[in-house]
Amino acid sequence: MASASAVLVGCGGENGGEDLVPATGIVKLDGKPIAGVSLTLVPQEGVKGRGGYAVSGPDGAFAFQSDVDVPGVPVGNYRVLMQKYAMPDGSPIPADASAADAGIVNQLLPIYADPDQSPAYLTFPAPDPSGITIELKSKLR
């Protein structure tokens, strides 16, 4: 199961007429920060724009963008999809390898990547002042 909390981190910006809310945080797997997670925000009903995306760094930190080099996301509710691709043994994908030919696998539970079943949701802005923390589990109970 995933849980998440979000916070308004600063002033909104504008991108094509949409007010954007900066959104940064940390993603954890079984309580520990995890690197290389691709996060996609899927807008829910009434949200304008395409959503946002981010990739977690070595410390699990991420910053959502609504477009290339456009930090922040439009205000609203989102379902969060997450994937972490690696080689079958868990090692990183070689830089010179084609992902399709390398036999890569998603290291996270499939439910986190399913747009109809992912249990993770975020709302921007949110009242929690501690920032965004997304907690993932390696096994569902």
N, C-alpha and C. Protein backbone atom coordinates (compact mmCIF):
# COMPACT_ATOMS: atom_id res chain seq x y z
N MET A 1 0.84 -1.16 0.00
CA MET A 1 0.00 0.00 0.00
C MET A 1 0.89 1.23 0.00
N ALA A 2 0.45 2.29 -0.63
CA ALA A 2 1.21 3.53 -0.65
C ALA A 2 0.45 4.59 0.10
N SER A 3 1.18 5.45 0.73
CA SER A 3 0.56 6.61 1.35
C SER A 3 1.37 7.81 0.94
N ALA A 4 0.73 8.96 0.88
CA ALA A 4 1.43 10.17 0.46
C ALA A 4 0.82 11.38 1.13
N SER A 5 1.65 12.38 1.31
CA SER A 5 1.18 13.67 1.79
C SER A 5 1.83 14.74 0.95
N ALA A 6 1.17 15.85 0.74
CA ALA A 6 1.69 16.91 -0.11
C ALA A 6 1.61 18.25 0.59
N VAL A 7 2.40 19.20 0.09
CA VAL A 7 2.42 20.53 0.68
C VAL A 7 2.63 21.56 -0.42
N LEU A 8 2.06 22.74 -0.22
CA LEU A 8 2.32 23.88 -1.08
C LEU A 8 3.70 24.38 -0.69
N VAL A 9 4.66 24.32 -1.61
CA VAL A 9 6.04 24.62 -1.28
C VAL A 9 6.39 26.08 -1.54
N GLY A 10 5.66 26.76 -2.38
CA GLY A 10 5.99 28.15 -2.69
C GLY A 10 4.89 28.78 -3.51
N CYS A 11 5.21 29.88 -4.14
CA CYS A 11 4.23 30.60 -4.95
C CYS A 11 4.00 29.87 -6.26
N GLY A 12 2.82 30.04 -6.82
CA GLY A 12 2.51 29.42 -8.10
C GLY A 12 3.19 30.17 -9.22
N GLY A 13 3.46 29.47 -10.31
CA GLY A 13 4.00 30.10 -11.49
C GLY A 13 2.97 30.01 -12.58
N GLU A 14 3.35 30.36 -13.80
CA GLU A 14 2.41 30.23 -14.89
C GLU A 14 3.04 29.50 -16.04
N ASN A 15 2.26 28.65 -16.67
CA ASN A 15 2.70 27.89 -17.83
C ASN A 15 1.49 27.72 -18.72
N GLY A 16 1.44 28.46 -19.80
CA GLY A 16 0.30 28.36 -20.69
C GLY A 16 -0.99 28.74 -20.00
N GLY A 17 -0.95 29.67 -19.07
CA GLY A 17 -2.14 30.11 -18.37
C GLY A 17 -2.47 29.31 -17.14
N GLU A 18 -1.76 28.23 -16.87
CA GLU A 18 -2.02 27.41 -15.69
C GLU A 18 -1.14 27.87 -14.53
N ASP A 19 -1.74 28.07 -13.37
CA ASP A 19 -0.94 28.34 -12.18
C ASP A 19 -0.29 27.04 -11.74
N LEU A 20 1.00 27.11 -11.49
CA LEU A 20 1.74 25.91 -11.09
C LEU A 20 2.16 26.00 -9.64
N VAL A 21 2.13 24.86 -8.96
CA VAL A 21 2.52 24.76 -7.57
C VAL A 21 3.81 23.94 -7.50
N PRO A 22 4.90 24.49 -6.96
CA PRO A 22 6.11 23.68 -6.81
C PRO A 22 5.83 22.47 -5.92
N ALA A 23 6.40 21.33 -6.26
CA ALA A 23 6.14 20.11 -5.50
C ALA A 23 7.38 19.24 -5.48
N THR A 24 7.98 19.11 -4.30
CA THR A 24 9.16 18.27 -4.13
C THR A 24 8.92 17.31 -2.98
N GLY A 25 9.69 16.26 -2.91
CA GLY A 25 9.51 15.32 -1.81
C GLY A 25 10.48 14.17 -1.88
N ILE A 26 10.14 13.10 -1.18
CA ILE A 26 10.97 11.90 -1.11
C ILE A 26 10.07 10.68 -1.30
N VAL A 27 10.58 9.70 -2.03
CA VAL A 27 9.89 8.42 -2.17
C VAL A 27 10.72 7.37 -1.44
N LYS A 28 10.02 6.52 -0.69
CA LYS A 28 10.69 5.48 0.10
C LYS A 28 10.08 4.12 -0.21
N LEU A 29 10.92 3.09 -0.12
CA LEU A 29 10.48 1.71 -0.26
C LEU A 29 10.79 1.01 1.05
N ASP A 30 9.76 0.52 1.71
CA ASP A 30 9.91 -0.13 3.02
C ASP A 30 10.65 0.76 4.01
N GLY A 31 10.35 2.06 3.95
CA GLY A 31 10.90 3.02 4.90
C GLY A 31 12.25 3.61 4.55
N LYS A 32 12.86 3.17 3.43
CA LYS A 32 14.18 3.68 3.04
C LYS A 32 14.07 4.43 1.72
N PRO A 33 14.76 5.58 1.58
CA PRO A 33 14.74 6.31 0.31
C PRO A 33 15.18 5.41 -0.84
N ILE A 34 14.54 5.59 -1.99
CA ILE A 34 14.85 4.75 -3.16
C ILE A 34 15.12 5.64 -4.37
N ALA A 35 16.21 5.35 -5.06
CA ALA A 35 16.61 6.11 -6.25
C ALA A 35 16.02 5.50 -7.51
N GLY A 36 15.90 6.34 -8.55
CA GLY A 36 15.52 5.86 -9.87
C GLY A 36 14.06 5.55 -10.07
N VAL A 37 13.19 6.03 -9.18
CA VAL A 37 11.75 5.80 -9.35
C VAL A 37 11.19 6.88 -10.28
N SER A 38 10.51 6.47 -11.34
CA SER A 38 9.80 7.40 -12.22
C SER A 38 8.41 7.60 -11.64
N LEU A 39 8.06 8.86 -11.39
CA LEU A 39 6.76 9.20 -10.82
C LEU A 39 5.97 9.99 -11.86
N THR A 40 4.74 9.61 -12.10
CA THR A 40 3.87 10.30 -13.05
C THR A 40 2.59 10.69 -12.33
N LEU A 41 2.22 11.97 -12.45
CA LEU A 41 0.97 12.46 -11.88
C LEU A 41 -0.11 12.41 -12.95
N VAL A 42 -1.17 11.65 -12.71
CA VAL A 42 -2.29 11.54 -13.64
C VAL A 42 -3.41 12.43 -13.10
N PRO A 43 -3.76 13.51 -13.85
CA PRO A 43 -4.80 14.42 -13.36
C PRO A 43 -6.13 13.70 -13.18
N GLN A 44 -6.80 14.02 -12.09
CA GLN A 44 -8.14 13.50 -11.83
C GLN A 44 -9.15 14.54 -12.31
N GLU A 45 -10.41 14.23 -12.21
CA GLU A 45 -11.47 15.08 -12.75
C GLU A 45 -11.30 16.54 -12.34
N GLY A 46 -11.41 17.42 -13.33
CA GLY A 46 -11.37 18.86 -13.08
C GLY A 46 -10.00 19.49 -13.09
N VAL A 47 -8.94 18.71 -13.19
CA VAL A 47 -7.59 19.26 -13.20
C VAL A 47 -7.21 19.61 -14.64
N LYS A 48 -6.76 20.84 -14.84
CA LYS A 48 -6.32 21.27 -16.16
C LYS A 48 -4.86 20.89 -16.35
N GLY A 49 -4.48 20.66 -17.57
CA GLY A 49 -3.09 20.32 -17.86
C GLY A 49 -2.89 18.83 -17.97
N ARG A 50 -1.63 18.45 -18.18
CA ARG A 50 -1.28 17.05 -18.43
C ARG A 50 -0.79 16.33 -17.19
N GLY A 51 -0.66 17.01 -16.09
CA GLY A 51 -0.12 16.37 -14.89
C GLY A 51 1.33 16.73 -14.71
N GLY A 52 2.13 15.77 -14.27
CA GLY A 52 3.54 16.05 -14.03
C GLY A 52 4.33 14.77 -13.94
N TYR A 53 5.65 14.93 -13.87
CA TYR A 53 6.53 13.77 -13.76
C TYR A 53 7.78 14.15 -12.99
N ALA A 54 8.45 13.14 -12.48
CA ALA A 54 9.70 13.32 -11.75
C ALA A 54 10.43 11.99 -11.72
N VAL A 55 11.72 12.03 -11.40
CA VAL A 55 12.53 10.83 -11.17
C VAL A 55 13.28 11.06 -9.87
N SER A 56 13.22 10.08 -8.97
CA SER A 56 13.90 10.23 -7.68
C SER A 56 15.41 10.08 -7.84
N GLY A 57 16.14 10.90 -7.07
CA GLY A 57 17.60 10.86 -7.07
C GLY A 57 18.13 9.83 -6.09
N PRO A 58 19.45 9.83 -5.86
CA PRO A 58 20.08 8.85 -4.98
C PRO A 58 19.53 8.84 -3.56
N ASP A 59 19.04 9.98 -3.09
CA ASP A 59 18.48 10.09 -1.74
C ASP A 59 16.97 9.96 -1.71
N GLY A 60 16.36 9.54 -2.84
CA GLY A 60 14.92 9.40 -2.93
C GLY A 60 14.19 10.70 -3.23
N ALA A 61 14.93 11.81 -3.30
CA ALA A 61 14.30 13.12 -3.52
C ALA A 61 13.85 13.27 -4.97
N PHE A 62 12.73 13.99 -5.14
CA PHE A 62 12.21 14.27 -6.48
C PHE A 62 11.60 15.66 -6.50
N ALA A 63 11.46 16.21 -7.71
CA ALA A 63 10.79 17.49 -7.93
C ALA A 63 9.93 17.34 -9.18
N PHE A 64 8.61 17.50 -9.01
CA PHE A 64 7.71 17.35 -10.14
C PHE A 64 7.86 18.50 -11.12
N GLN A 65 7.73 18.17 -12.41
CA GLN A 65 7.70 19.14 -13.49
C GLN A 65 6.41 18.91 -14.28
N SER A 66 5.86 19.99 -14.82
CA SER A 66 4.68 19.84 -15.67
C SER A 66 5.09 19.72 -17.14
N ASP A 67 6.32 20.10 -17.44
CA ASP A 67 6.87 19.99 -18.78
C ASP A 67 8.39 20.05 -18.65
N VAL A 68 9.10 19.85 -19.73
CA VAL A 68 10.56 19.89 -19.68
C VAL A 68 11.00 21.27 -19.19
N ASP A 69 11.81 21.29 -18.15
CA ASP A 69 12.34 22.52 -17.56
C ASP A 69 11.26 23.46 -17.04
N VAL A 70 10.08 22.94 -16.72
CA VAL A 70 9.00 23.75 -16.14
C VAL A 70 8.63 23.12 -14.80
N PRO A 71 9.25 23.58 -13.70
CA PRO A 71 8.96 22.98 -12.39
C PRO A 71 7.55 23.31 -11.92
N GLY A 72 6.97 22.38 -11.17
CA GLY A 72 5.65 22.57 -10.59
C GLY A 72 4.56 21.88 -11.39
N VAL A 73 3.38 21.82 -10.77
CA VAL A 73 2.22 21.17 -11.39
C VAL A 73 0.98 22.02 -11.13
N PRO A 74 -0.05 21.90 -11.98
CA PRO A 74 -1.30 22.62 -11.72
C PRO A 74 -1.97 22.15 -10.43
N VAL A 75 -2.69 23.05 -9.80
CA VAL A 75 -3.44 22.75 -8.58
C VAL A 75 -4.48 21.67 -8.89
N GLY A 76 -4.66 20.73 -7.97
CA GLY A 76 -5.69 19.71 -8.14
C GLY A 76 -5.32 18.38 -7.54
N ASN A 77 -6.15 17.38 -7.87
CA ASN A 77 -5.98 16.01 -7.37
C ASN A 77 -5.36 15.14 -8.45
N TYR A 78 -4.44 14.26 -8.02
CA TYR A 78 -3.72 13.39 -8.95
C TYR A 78 -3.60 11.98 -8.40
N ARG A 79 -3.65 11.01 -9.30
CA ARG A 79 -3.23 9.65 -8.97
C ARG A 79 -1.75 9.58 -9.34
N VAL A 80 -0.96 8.90 -8.52
CA VAL A 80 0.48 8.81 -8.76
C VAL A 80 0.83 7.40 -9.24
N LEU A 81 1.50 7.34 -10.39
CA LEU A 81 1.99 6.07 -10.93
C LEU A 81 3.50 6.03 -10.74
N MET A 82 4.02 4.88 -10.34
CA MET A 82 5.45 4.78 -10.06
C MET A 82 6.03 3.49 -10.62
N GLN A 83 7.24 3.62 -11.18
CA GLN A 83 7.95 2.49 -11.75
C GLN A 83 9.44 2.68 -11.48
N LYS A 84 10.15 1.59 -11.34
CA LYS A 84 11.61 1.63 -11.22
C LYS A 84 12.16 0.49 -12.06
N TYR A 85 12.71 0.85 -13.22
CA TYR A 85 13.22 -0.17 -14.13
C TYR A 85 14.69 -0.44 -13.88
N ALA A 86 15.06 -1.71 -13.97
CA ALA A 86 16.44 -2.16 -13.79
C ALA A 86 16.60 -3.49 -14.52
N MET A 87 17.82 -3.98 -14.50
CA MET A 87 18.10 -5.30 -15.05
C MET A 87 17.44 -6.33 -14.14
N PRO A 88 17.20 -7.55 -14.63
CA PRO A 88 16.53 -8.56 -13.80
C PRO A 88 17.21 -8.81 -12.46
N ASP A 89 18.53 -8.62 -12.38
CA ASP A 89 19.23 -8.83 -11.11
C ASP A 89 19.21 -7.59 -10.21
N GLY A 90 18.52 -6.52 -10.66
CA GLY A 90 18.41 -5.30 -9.86
C GLY A 90 19.46 -4.26 -10.18
N SER A 91 20.43 -4.59 -11.02
CA SER A 91 21.48 -3.63 -11.37
C SER A 91 20.94 -2.60 -12.35
N PRO A 92 21.60 -1.43 -12.42
CA PRO A 92 21.15 -0.37 -13.34
C PRO A 92 21.22 -0.82 -14.80
N ILE A 93 20.41 -0.20 -15.62
CA ILE A 93 20.41 -0.47 -17.06
C ILE A 93 21.68 0.16 -17.63
N PRO A 94 22.50 -0.60 -18.36
CA PRO A 94 23.71 -0.03 -18.94
C PRO A 94 23.38 1.13 -19.87
N ALA A 95 24.21 2.17 -19.85
CA ALA A 95 23.96 3.37 -20.65
C ALA A 95 23.91 3.07 -22.14
N ASP A 96 24.66 2.08 -22.60
CA ASP A 96 24.71 1.77 -24.02
C ASP A 96 23.68 0.72 -24.44
N ALA A 97 22.82 0.30 -23.52
CA ALA A 97 21.82 -0.73 -23.83
C ALA A 97 20.48 -0.11 -24.16
N SER A 98 19.79 -0.72 -25.10
CA SER A 98 18.42 -0.34 -25.39
C SER A 98 17.53 -0.98 -24.33
N ALA A 99 16.67 -0.19 -23.73
CA ALA A 99 15.80 -0.72 -22.67
C ALA A 99 14.99 -1.92 -23.17
N ALA A 100 14.54 -1.86 -24.41
CA ALA A 100 13.73 -2.96 -24.95
C ALA A 100 14.55 -4.23 -25.13
N ASP A 101 15.82 -4.08 -25.45
CA ASP A 101 16.67 -5.25 -25.69
C ASP A 101 17.36 -5.75 -24.43
N ALA A 102 17.37 -4.96 -23.37
CA ALA A 102 18.13 -5.31 -22.17
C ALA A 102 17.37 -6.25 -21.23
N GLY A 103 16.09 -6.50 -21.50
CA GLY A 103 15.32 -7.38 -20.63
C GLY A 103 14.99 -6.74 -19.29
N ILE A 104 14.80 -5.42 -19.29
CA ILE A 104 14.55 -4.72 -18.04
C ILE A 104 13.23 -5.13 -17.41
N VAL A 105 13.14 -4.97 -16.10
CA VAL A 105 11.92 -5.29 -15.37
C VAL A 105 11.62 -4.16 -14.38
N ASN A 106 10.34 -4.00 -14.09
CA ASN A 106 9.93 -3.03 -13.08
C ASN A 106 10.20 -3.65 -11.71
N GLN A 107 10.96 -2.96 -10.87
CA GLN A 107 11.34 -3.47 -9.56
C GLN A 107 10.26 -3.23 -8.50
N LEU A 108 9.24 -2.44 -8.83
CA LEU A 108 8.15 -2.16 -7.88
C LEU A 108 6.96 -3.06 -8.17
N LEU A 109 6.07 -3.17 -7.20
CA LEU A 109 4.85 -3.95 -7.40
C LEU A 109 4.05 -3.37 -8.57
N PRO A 110 3.47 -4.21 -9.43
CA PRO A 110 2.73 -3.73 -10.60
C PRO A 110 1.59 -2.77 -10.26
N ILE A 111 0.99 -2.91 -9.10
CA ILE A 111 -0.14 -2.04 -8.74
C ILE A 111 0.26 -0.57 -8.75
N TYR A 112 1.51 -0.25 -8.44
CA TYR A 112 1.95 1.15 -8.39
C TYR A 112 2.01 1.79 -9.77
N ALA A 113 2.08 1.00 -10.84
CA ALA A 113 2.13 1.52 -12.20
C ALA A 113 0.78 1.47 -12.90
N ASP A 114 -0.23 0.94 -12.25
CA ASP A 114 -1.54 0.74 -12.86
C ASP A 114 -2.40 1.99 -12.68
N PRO A 115 -2.78 2.65 -13.80
CA PRO A 115 -3.57 3.89 -13.68
C PRO A 115 -4.96 3.69 -13.08
N ASP A 116 -5.44 2.45 -13.04
CA ASP A 116 -6.75 2.18 -12.44
C ASP A 116 -6.66 1.68 -11.01
N GLN A 117 -5.47 1.26 -10.55
CA GLN A 117 -5.37 0.65 -9.23
C GLN A 117 -4.34 1.27 -8.29
N SER A 118 -3.45 2.13 -8.79
CA SER A 118 -2.43 2.68 -7.91
C SER A 118 -3.09 3.31 -6.69
N PRO A 119 -2.63 2.93 -5.50
CA PRO A 119 -3.25 3.45 -4.28
C PRO A 119 -2.72 4.83 -3.87
N ALA A 120 -1.79 5.39 -4.63
CA ALA A 120 -1.17 6.66 -4.25
C ALA A 120 -1.87 7.84 -4.92
N TYR A 121 -2.25 8.81 -4.10
CA TYR A 121 -2.89 10.04 -4.57
C TYR A 121 -2.19 11.23 -3.92
N LEU A 122 -2.13 12.35 -4.64
CA LEU A 122 -1.64 13.61 -4.10
C LEU A 122 -2.62 14.70 -4.47
N THR A 123 -2.74 15.68 -3.60
CA THR A 123 -3.55 16.86 -3.85
C THR A 123 -2.67 18.09 -3.65
N PHE A 124 -2.70 19.01 -4.60
CA PHE A 124 -1.94 20.25 -4.50
C PHE A 124 -2.89 21.43 -4.58
N PRO A 125 -2.79 22.43 -3.71
CA PRO A 125 -1.93 22.45 -2.53
C PRO A 125 -2.53 21.61 -1.41
N ALA A 126 -1.70 21.24 -0.45
CA ALA A 126 -2.15 20.46 0.71
C ALA A 126 -1.66 21.14 1.98
N PRO A 127 -2.36 20.92 3.10
CA PRO A 127 -2.02 21.63 4.33
C PRO A 127 -0.82 21.08 5.10
N ASP A 128 -0.31 19.90 4.74
CA ASP A 128 0.78 19.28 5.50
C ASP A 128 2.09 20.03 5.27
N PRO A 129 2.65 20.66 6.31
CA PRO A 129 3.86 21.46 6.13
C PRO A 129 5.14 20.64 6.04
N SER A 130 5.08 19.34 6.19
CA SER A 130 6.30 18.54 6.19
C SER A 130 6.77 18.13 4.80
N GLY A 131 6.02 18.45 3.76
CA GLY A 131 6.41 18.10 2.40
C GLY A 131 5.80 16.78 1.97
N ILE A 132 6.19 16.34 0.78
CA ILE A 132 5.65 15.12 0.21
C ILE A 132 6.53 13.94 0.61
N THR A 133 5.92 12.92 1.16
CA THR A 133 6.60 11.65 1.40
C THR A 133 5.70 10.56 0.83
N ILE A 134 6.24 9.79 -0.09
CA ILE A 134 5.49 8.68 -0.67
C ILE A 134 6.13 7.40 -0.15
N GLU A 135 5.35 6.61 0.56
CA GLU A 135 5.83 5.36 1.16
C GLU A 135 5.32 4.18 0.33
N LEU A 136 6.24 3.42 -0.23
CA LEU A 136 5.90 2.22 -1.00
C LEU A 136 6.28 0.98 -0.19
N LYS A 137 5.61 -0.11 -0.48
CA LYS A 137 5.90 -1.39 0.17
C LYS A 137 6.38 -2.38 -0.90
N SER A 138 7.30 -3.26 -0.52
CA SER A 138 7.77 -4.28 -1.46
C SER A 138 6.80 -5.45 -1.52
N LYS A 139 5.94 -5.56 -0.51
CA LYS A 139 4.91 -6.61 -0.49
C LYS A 139 3.62 -6.02 0.02
N LEU A 140 2.51 -6.38 -0.62
CA LEU A 140 1.20 -5.96 -0.13
C LEU A 140 0.73 -6.96 0.90
N ARG A 141 0.05 -6.47 1.90
CA ARG A 141 -0.43 -7.38 2.96
C ARG A 141 -1.76 -7.96 2.61
